[in-house]
């Protein structure tokens, strides 16, 4: 038997899904991916700045957020309701992180201020005392600086 040159366009039910609107175009998948990326950034991103941007974008429910949800075929209110608790928990985690950094900086500044006050008033310090970098007198460093500048001058000649 010879093969027919007629090619079928599919079965009778191949276009049935399109009638009900369940078949998606590539653009639909693109906007779903955009929305999924924003949610992923909000909940799992290690970059806290980007995470806060995503959280604010979703919770704010602005015109661009609603437009992306519309293009993705999702309800903006439903998405906000579903991930509200996770976003709140993530916001608290980021706030605690920033608070701990601020606290460490303040403690470091207090320590630095105390050291500077001690140096300026000679509180607890003794001239000529050995410390991490050498003696306070500075002779060692003047000698080292002279060696460095002499070596540099020789290379420039």
C-alpha atoms as a PDB file:
ATOM      1  CA  UNK A   1       0.000   0.000   0.000  1.00  0.00           C
ATOM      2  CA  UNK A   2       1.178   3.420  -0.814  1.00  0.00           C
ATOM      3  CA  UNK A   3       1.265   6.126   1.766  1.00  0.00           C
ATOM      4  CA  UNK A   4      -1.072   9.020   1.398  1.00  0.00           C
ATOM      5  CA  UNK A   5       0.381  12.489   0.916  1.00  0.00           C
ATOM      6  CA  UNK A   6      -2.367  13.897   3.146  1.00  0.00           C
ATOM      7  CA  UNK A   7      -1.089  14.912   6.552  1.00  0.00           C
ATOM      8  CA  UNK A   8      -3.504  15.059   9.414  1.00  0.00           C
ATOM      9  CA  UNK A   9      -3.704  18.262  11.403  1.00  0.00           C
ATOM     10  CA  UNK A  10      -4.151  16.212  14.546  1.00  0.00           C
ATOM     11  CA  UNK A  11      -6.970  14.323  16.104  1.00  0.00           C
ATOM     12  CA  UNK A  12     -10.450  15.652  16.585  1.00  0.00           C
ATOM     13  CA  UNK A  13      -9.679  16.526  20.204  1.00  0.00           C
ATOM     14  CA  UNK A  14      -6.338  18.249  19.605  1.00  0.00           C
ATOM     15  CA  UNK A  15      -7.910  21.698  19.469  1.00  0.00           C
ATOM     16  CA  UNK A  16     -10.397  21.078  22.265  1.00  0.00           C
ATOM     17  CA  UNK A  17      -8.085  22.520  24.882  1.00  0.00           C
ATOM     18  CA  UNK A  18      -7.790  25.717  22.900  1.00  0.00           C
ATOM     19  CA  UNK A  19     -11.575  26.159  22.984  1.00  0.00           C
ATOM     20  CA  UNK A  20     -11.533  26.236  26.776  1.00  0.00           C
ATOM     21  CA  UNK A  21      -8.459  28.501  26.892  1.00  0.00           C
ATOM     22  CA  UNK A  22      -6.153  26.060  28.679  1.00  0.00           C
ATOM     23  CA  UNK A  23      -3.493  26.074  25.993  1.00  0.00           C
ATOM     24  CA  UNK A  24      -0.870  28.676  26.786  1.00  0.00           C
ATOM     25  CA  UNK A  25       1.265  30.718  24.489  1.00  0.00           C
ATOM     26  CA  UNK A  26       4.999  31.181  25.161  1.00  0.00           C
ATOM     27  CA  UNK A  27       4.298  34.751  26.319  1.00  0.00           C
ATOM     28  CA  UNK A  28       2.016  33.400  29.042  1.00  0.00           C
ATOM     29  CA  UNK A  29       4.839  31.218  30.328  1.00  0.00           C
ATOM     30  CA  UNK A  30       7.161  34.226  30.201  1.00  0.00           C
ATOM     31  CA  UNK A  31       4.934  36.317  32.483  1.00  0.00           C
ATOM     32  CA  UNK A  32       4.404  33.404  34.848  1.00  0.00           C
ATOM     33  CA  UNK A  33       8.203  33.106  35.037  1.00  0.00           C
ATOM     34  CA  UNK A  34       8.534  36.856  35.744  1.00  0.00           C
ATOM     35  CA  UNK A  35       6.044  36.578  38.594  1.00  0.00           C
ATOM     36  CA  UNK A  36       7.706  33.413  39.923  1.00  0.00           C
ATOM     37  CA  UNK A  37      11.130  35.096  39.848  1.00  0.00           C
ATOM     38  CA  UNK A  38       9.813  38.056  41.854  1.00  0.00           C
ATOM     39  CA  UNK A  39       8.347  35.706  44.467  1.00  0.00           C
ATOM     40  CA  UNK A  40      11.548  33.650  44.532  1.00  0.00           C
ATOM     41  CA  UNK A  41      13.639  36.796  45.040  1.00  0.00           C
ATOM     42  CA  UNK A  42      11.332  37.972  47.815  1.00  0.00           C
ATOM     43  CA  UNK A  43      11.507  34.722  49.770  1.00  0.00           C
ATOM     44  CA  UNK A  44      14.844  33.075  48.953  1.00  0.00           C
ATOM     45  CA  UNK A  45      17.282  35.676  47.579  1.00  0.00           C
ATOM     46  CA  UNK A  46      20.565  36.107  49.447  1.00  0.00           C
ATOM     47  CA  UNK A  47      20.731  39.722  48.269  1.00  0.00           C
ATOM     48  CA  UNK A  48      18.638  41.429  50.939  1.00  0.00           C
ATOM     49  CA  UNK A  49      18.279  44.638  48.922  1.00  0.00           C
ATOM     50  CA  UNK A  50      16.726  42.782  45.998  1.00  0.00           C
ATOM     51  CA  UNK A  51      14.597  40.752  48.395  1.00  0.00           C
ATOM     52  CA  UNK A  52      13.189  43.932  49.937  1.00  0.00           C
ATOM     53  CA  UNK A  53      12.523  45.385  46.471  1.00  0.00           C
ATOM     54  CA  UNK A  54      10.553  42.263  45.530  1.00  0.00           C
ATOM     55  CA  UNK A  55       8.665  42.205  48.833  1.00  0.00           C
ATOM     56  CA  UNK A  56       7.688  45.856  48.442  1.00  0.00           C
ATOM     57  CA  UNK A  57       6.669  45.274  44.816  1.00  0.00           C
ATOM     58  CA  UNK A  58       4.392  42.391  45.735  1.00  0.00           C
ATOM     59  CA  UNK A  59       2.932  43.863  48.925  1.00  0.00           C
ATOM     60  CA  UNK A  60       2.487  47.292  47.349  1.00  0.00           C
ATOM     61  CA  UNK A  61       0.196  45.870  44.708  1.00  0.00           C
ATOM     62  CA  UNK A  62       0.915  48.687  42.285  1.00  0.00           C
ATOM     63  CA  UNK A  63      -0.193  49.045  38.697  1.00  0.00           C
ATOM     64  CA  UNK A  64       2.829  47.190  37.248  1.00  0.00           C
ATOM     65  CA  UNK A  65       2.382  44.287  39.702  1.00  0.00           C
ATOM     66  CA  UNK A  66      -1.288  43.975  38.751  1.00  0.00           C
ATOM     67  CA  UNK A  67      -0.420  44.162  35.050  1.00  0.00           C
ATOM     68  CA  UNK A  68       2.168  41.354  35.341  1.00  0.00           C
ATOM     69  CA  UNK A  69      -0.367  39.238  37.255  1.00  0.00           C
ATOM     70  CA  UNK A  70      -2.931  39.895  34.539  1.00  0.00           C
ATOM     71  CA  UNK A  71      -0.497  38.880  31.798  1.00  0.00           C
ATOM     72  CA  UNK A  72       0.418  35.753  33.780  1.00  0.00           C
ATOM     73  CA  UNK A  73      -3.261  34.913  34.242  1.00  0.00           C
ATOM     74  CA  UNK A  74      -3.090  35.059  38.044  1.00  0.00           C
ATOM     75  CA  UNK A  75      -5.079  36.989  40.626  1.00  0.00           C
ATOM     76  CA  UNK A  76      -2.915  39.625  42.389  1.00  0.00           C
ATOM     77  CA  UNK A  77      -4.962  39.427  45.602  1.00  0.00           C
ATOM     78  CA  UNK A  78      -4.729  35.634  45.695  1.00  0.00           C
ATOM     79  CA  UNK A  79      -0.939  35.712  45.349  1.00  0.00           C
ATOM     80  CA  UNK A  80      -0.634  38.324  48.094  1.00  0.00           C
ATOM     81  CA  UNK A  81      -2.851  36.272  50.428  1.00  0.00           C
ATOM     82  CA  UNK A  82      -0.971  33.028  49.757  1.00  0.00           C
ATOM     83  CA  UNK A  83       2.515  34.369  50.478  1.00  0.00           C
ATOM     84  CA  UNK A  84       1.648  37.031  53.079  1.00  0.00           C
ATOM     85  CA  UNK A  85       3.040  35.018  56.019  1.00  0.00           C
ATOM     86  CA  UNK A  86       6.260  34.105  54.232  1.00  0.00           C
ATOM     87  CA  UNK A  87       6.832  37.712  53.192  1.00  0.00           C
ATOM     88  CA  UNK A  88       6.254  38.908  56.758  1.00  0.00           C
ATOM     89  CA  UNK A  89       8.714  36.341  58.125  1.00  0.00           C
ATOM     90  CA  UNK A  90      11.298  37.278  55.478  1.00  0.00           C
ATOM     91  CA  UNK A  91      10.891  41.008  56.211  1.00  0.00           C
ATOM     92  CA  UNK A  92      11.504  40.336  59.931  1.00  0.00           C
ATOM     93  CA  UNK A  93      14.603  38.259  59.152  1.00  0.00           C
ATOM     94  CA  UNK A  94      16.064  41.032  57.008  1.00  0.00           C
ATOM     95  CA  UNK A  95      15.230  43.662  59.657  1.00  0.00           C
ATOM     96  CA  UNK A  96      17.022  41.597  62.329  1.00  0.00           C
ATOM     97  CA  UNK A  97      20.051  41.252  60.056  1.00  0.00           C
ATOM     98  CA  UNK A  98      20.265  45.009  59.464  1.00  0.00           C
ATOM     99  CA  UNK A  99      19.721  45.669  63.182  1.00  0.00           C
ATOM    100  CA  UNK A 100      22.617  43.367  64.131  1.00  0.00           C
ATOM    101  CA  UNK A 101      24.894  45.089  61.617  1.00  0.00           C
ATOM    102  CA  UNK A 102      23.954  48.510  62.968  1.00  0.00           C
ATOM    103  CA  UNK A 103      24.586  47.298  66.521  1.00  0.00           C
ATOM    104  CA  UNK A 104      28.033  45.940  65.611  1.00  0.00           C
ATOM    105  CA  UNK A 105      28.951  49.193  63.886  1.00  0.00           C
ATOM    106  CA  UNK A 106      27.864  51.227  66.915  1.00  0.00           C
ATOM    107  CA  UNK A 107      29.874  48.980  69.242  1.00  0.00           C
ATOM    108  CA  UNK A 108      32.900  49.317  66.981  1.00  0.00           C
ATOM    109  CA  UNK A 109      32.548  53.100  66.900  1.00  0.00           C
ATOM    110  CA  UNK A 110      32.337  53.212  70.710  1.00  0.00           C
ATOM    111  CA  UNK A 111      35.493  51.119  70.917  1.00  0.00           C
ATOM    112  CA  UNK A 112      37.275  53.305  68.372  1.00  0.00           C
ATOM    113  CA  UNK A 113      36.218  56.481  70.194  1.00  0.00           C
ATOM    114  CA  UNK A 114      37.534  55.063  73.460  1.00  0.00           C
ATOM    115  CA  UNK A 115      40.868  54.209  71.821  1.00  0.00           C
ATOM    116  CA  UNK A 116      41.198  57.666  70.278  1.00  0.00           C
ATOM    117  CA  UNK A 117      40.351  59.301  73.615  1.00  0.00           C
ATOM    118  CA  UNK A 118      42.937  57.134  75.338  1.00  0.00           C
ATOM    119  CA  UNK A 119      45.610  58.077  72.777  1.00  0.00           C
ATOM    120  CA  UNK A 120      44.864  61.792  72.858  1.00  0.00           C
ATOM    121  CA  UNK A 121      44.868  61.976  76.662  1.00  0.00           C
ATOM    122  CA  UNK A 122      47.625  59.391  77.144  1.00  0.00           C
ATOM    123  CA  UNK A 123      45.262  57.363  79.298  1.00  0.00           C
ATOM    124  CA  UNK A 124      46.826  54.006  79.941  1.00  0.00           C
ATOM    125  CA  UNK A 125      49.443  54.485  77.271  1.00  0.00           C
ATOM    126  CA  UNK A 126      53.198  54.625  77.855  1.00  0.00           C
ATOM    127  CA  UNK A 127      55.509  56.102  75.259  1.00  0.00           C
ATOM    128  CA  UNK A 128      58.059  53.603  74.021  1.00  0.00           C
ATOM    129  CA  UNK A 129      55.759  50.671  74.853  1.00  0.00           C
ATOM    130  CA  UNK A 130      56.062  47.704  72.505  1.00  0.00           C
ATOM    131  CA  UNK A 131      52.905  46.997  70.554  1.00  0.00           C
ATOM    132  CA  UNK A 132      51.842  45.073  67.486  1.00  0.00           C
ATOM    133  CA  UNK A 133      53.598  47.283  64.939  1.00  0.00           C
ATOM    134  CA  UNK A 134      56.793  48.008  66.851  1.00  0.00           C
ATOM    135  CA  UNK A 135      57.821  50.731  69.280  1.00  0.00           C
ATOM    136  CA  UNK A 136      55.976  54.020  69.614  1.00  0.00           C
ATOM    137  CA  UNK A 137      59.130  55.994  69.008  1.00  0.00           C
ATOM    138  CA  UNK A 138      58.846  55.463  65.258  1.00  0.00           C
ATOM    139  CA  UNK A 139      62.583  54.905  64.556  1.00  0.00           C
ATOM    140  CA  UNK A 140      61.908  51.508  63.077  1.00  0.00           C
ATOM    141  CA  UNK A 141      59.285  52.892  60.689  1.00  0.00           C
ATOM    142  CA  UNK A 142      61.468  55.805  59.580  1.00  0.00           C
ATOM    143  CA  UNK A 143      64.211  53.323  58.717  1.00  0.00           C
ATOM    144  CA  UNK A 144      61.759  51.086  56.814  1.00  0.00           C
ATOM    145  CA  UNK A 145      60.372  54.118  54.899  1.00  0.00           C
ATOM    146  CA  UNK A 146      63.884  55.121  53.893  1.00  0.00           C
ATOM    147  CA  UNK A 147      64.536  51.616  52.553  1.00  0.00           C
ATOM    148  CA  UNK A 148      61.317  51.683  50.520  1.00  0.00           C
ATOM    149  CA  UNK A 149      61.960  55.119  49.013  1.00  0.00           C
ATOM    150  CA  UNK A 150      65.598  54.258  48.176  1.00  0.00           C
ATOM    151  CA  UNK A 151      64.502  51.052  46.411  1.00  0.00           C
ATOM    152  CA  UNK A 152      61.858  52.989  44.485  1.00  0.00           C
ATOM    153  CA  UNK A 153      64.358  55.667  43.415  1.00  0.00           C
ATOM    154  CA  UNK A 154      66.769  53.001  42.149  1.00  0.00           C
ATOM    155  CA  UNK A 155      64.072  51.392  40.005  1.00  0.00           C
ATOM    156  CA  UNK A 156      63.083  54.745  38.521  1.00  0.00           C
ATOM    157  CA  UNK A 157      66.660  55.529  37.373  1.00  0.00           C
END
